[in-house]
Amino acid sequence: MSMIRGGDDLLGGRSYYQVEVERVVELLAGANSTDPRLFLLDELLRGTNTVDRLAAGEAILKALLEGQVVPRHCVVIATHDL
């Protein structure tokens, strides 16, 4: 699952932000798998202001990792916001 060069869907009436949020929802659903997953996330919610993007990124990271008594997923996040 990836979102490389994702964008808005003007004909479908979906903004870039909406498309990206839908993709994040799919990623979070994948985190419920008992199979190990590798998540590579680059510039999450890049069309959003910095404060909201950082808060959302933290929440997404916690959601991907929560409930793992024994770590089974590997998550790598890249950002320019630090």
C-alpha atoms as a PDB file:
ATOM      1  CA  MET A   1       0.000   0.000   0.000  1.00  0.00           C
ATOM      2  CA  SER A   2       1.456   3.356  -0.936  1.00  0.00           C
ATOM      3  CA  MET A   3       0.552   6.915  -1.749  1.00  0.00           C
ATOM      4  CA  ILE A   4       3.245   8.115  -4.060  1.00  0.00           C
ATOM      5  CA  ARG A   5       2.341  11.275  -5.901  1.00  0.00           C
ATOM      6  CA  GLY A   6      -1.154  11.221  -4.498  1.00  0.00           C
ATOM      7  CA  GLY A   7      -3.343  14.158  -5.270  1.00  0.00           C
ATOM      8  CA  ASP A   8      -6.800  15.537  -5.255  1.00  0.00           C
ATOM      9  CA  ASP A   9      -9.603  13.984  -7.241  1.00  0.00           C
ATOM     10  CA  LEU A  10     -11.457  16.939  -8.708  1.00  0.00           C
ATOM     11  CA  LEU A  11     -13.841  14.801 -10.737  1.00  0.00           C
ATOM     12  CA  GLY A  12     -14.621  12.711  -7.666  1.00  0.00           C
ATOM     13  CA  GLY A  13     -15.035  15.807  -5.483  1.00  0.00           C
ATOM     14  CA  ARG A  14     -12.218  14.819  -3.111  1.00  0.00           C
ATOM     15  CA  SER A  15      -9.534  17.234  -1.916  1.00  0.00           C
ATOM     16  CA  TYR A  16      -5.886  16.260  -1.486  1.00  0.00           C
ATOM     17  CA  TYR A  17      -6.419  16.305   2.283  1.00  0.00           C
ATOM     18  CA  GLN A  18      -9.411  13.964   2.041  1.00  0.00           C
ATOM     19  CA  VAL A  19      -7.504  11.548  -0.205  1.00  0.00           C
ATOM     20  CA  GLU A  20      -4.586  11.541   2.240  1.00  0.00           C
ATOM     21  CA  VAL A  21      -6.812  11.007   5.295  1.00  0.00           C
ATOM     22  CA  GLU A  22      -8.533   8.082   3.563  1.00  0.00           C
ATOM     23  CA  ARG A  23      -5.099   6.568   2.956  1.00  0.00           C
ATOM     24  CA  VAL A  24      -4.153   6.992   6.624  1.00  0.00           C
ATOM     25  CA  VAL A  25      -7.364   5.188   7.611  1.00  0.00           C
ATOM     26  CA  GLU A  26      -6.302   2.283   5.378  1.00  0.00           C
ATOM     27  CA  LEU A  27      -2.853   2.251   7.017  1.00  0.00           C
ATOM     28  CA  LEU A  28      -4.391   2.152  10.484  1.00  0.00           C
ATOM     29  CA  ALA A  29      -6.606  -0.750   9.444  1.00  0.00           C
ATOM     30  CA  GLY A  30      -3.468  -2.574   8.286  1.00  0.00           C
ATOM     31  CA  ALA A  31      -1.935  -2.078  11.723  1.00  0.00           C
ATOM     32  CA  ASN A  32      -4.598  -4.389  13.163  1.00  0.00           C
ATOM     33  CA  SER A  33      -2.983  -7.297  11.353  1.00  0.00           C
ATOM     34  CA  THR A  34      -1.153  -9.881  13.417  1.00  0.00           C
ATOM     35  CA  ASP A  35       1.364 -10.174  10.574  1.00  0.00           C
ATOM     36  CA  PRO A  36       4.405  -7.902  10.900  1.00  0.00           C
ATOM     37  CA  ARG A  37       4.186  -4.755   8.783  1.00  0.00           C
ATOM     38  CA  LEU A  38       6.657  -2.123   7.670  1.00  0.00           C
ATOM     39  CA  PHE A  39       5.199   1.386   7.512  1.00  0.00           C
ATOM     40  CA  LEU A  40       7.228   4.035   5.670  1.00  0.00           C
ATOM     41  CA  LEU A  41       5.582   7.427   6.084  1.00  0.00           C
ATOM     42  CA  ASP A  42       6.929  10.591   4.492  1.00  0.00           C
ATOM     43  CA  GLU A  43       5.497  14.049   5.119  1.00  0.00           C
ATOM     44  CA  LEU A  44       2.161  12.988   6.572  1.00  0.00           C
ATOM     45  CA  LEU A  45      -0.684  15.425   5.914  1.00  0.00           C
ATOM     46  CA  ARG A  46       1.638  17.784   4.094  1.00  0.00           C
ATOM     47  CA  GLY A  47      -1.195  20.057   3.001  1.00  0.00           C
ATOM     48  CA  THR A  48      -2.028  20.865   6.625  1.00  0.00           C
ATOM     49  CA  ASN A  49      -0.566  23.558   8.882  1.00  0.00           C
ATOM     50  CA  THR A  50       2.453  22.560  10.955  1.00  0.00           C
ATOM     51  CA  VAL A  51       0.772  22.484  14.372  1.00  0.00           C
ATOM     52  CA  ASP A  52      -2.086  20.262  13.212  1.00  0.00           C
ATOM     53  CA  ARG A  53       0.243  18.095  11.122  1.00  0.00           C
ATOM     54  CA  LEU A  54       2.519  17.386  14.108  1.00  0.00           C
ATOM     55  CA  ALA A  55      -0.419  16.586  16.390  1.00  0.00           C
ATOM     56  CA  ALA A  56      -1.984  14.305  13.784  1.00  0.00           C
ATOM     57  CA  GLY A  57       1.368  12.634  13.079  1.00  0.00           C
ATOM     58  CA  GLU A  58       1.835  11.864  16.760  1.00  0.00           C
ATOM     59  CA  ALA A  59      -1.676  10.421  16.995  1.00  0.00           C
ATOM     60  CA  ILE A  60      -1.131   8.294  13.876  1.00  0.00           C
ATOM     61  CA  LEU A  61       2.184   6.982  15.214  1.00  0.00           C
ATOM     62  CA  LYS A  62       0.597   6.073  18.553  1.00  0.00           C
ATOM     63  CA  ALA A  63      -2.284   4.349  16.774  1.00  0.00           C
ATOM     64  CA  LEU A  64       0.117   2.298  14.641  1.00  0.00           C
ATOM     65  CA  LEU A  65       2.080   1.148  17.678  1.00  0.00           C
ATOM     66  CA  GLU A  66      -0.508   0.875  20.456  1.00  0.00           C
ATOM     67  CA  GLY A  67      -1.428  -2.482  21.874  1.00  0.00           C
ATOM     68  CA  GLN A  68       1.803  -4.141  20.803  1.00  0.00           C
ATOM     69  CA  VAL A  69       3.028  -6.122  23.799  1.00  0.00           C
ATOM     70  CA  VAL A  70       5.636  -7.681  21.545  1.00  0.00           C
ATOM     71  CA  PRO A  71       6.570  -5.253  18.757  1.00  0.00           C
ATOM     72  CA  ARG A  72       5.473  -6.643  15.411  1.00  0.00           C
ATOM     73  CA  HIS A  73       5.391  -3.533  13.235  1.00  0.00           C
ATOM     74  CA  CYS A  74       8.229  -1.263  12.196  1.00  0.00           C
ATOM     75  CA  VAL A  75       7.313   2.372  11.568  1.00  0.00           C
ATOM     76  CA  VAL A  76       9.609   4.941   9.941  1.00  0.00           C
ATOM     77  CA  ILE A  77       8.429   8.531   9.631  1.00  0.00           C
ATOM     78  CA  ALA A  78      10.207  11.328   7.775  1.00  0.00           C
ATOM     79  CA  THR A  79       9.331  15.000   8.166  1.00  0.00           C
ATOM     80  CA  HIS A  80      10.811  18.469   7.757  1.00  0.00           C
ATOM     81  CA  ASP A  81       8.842  19.815  10.722  1.00  0.00           C
ATOM     82  CA  LEU A  82      11.317  19.112  13.507  1.00  0.00           C
END
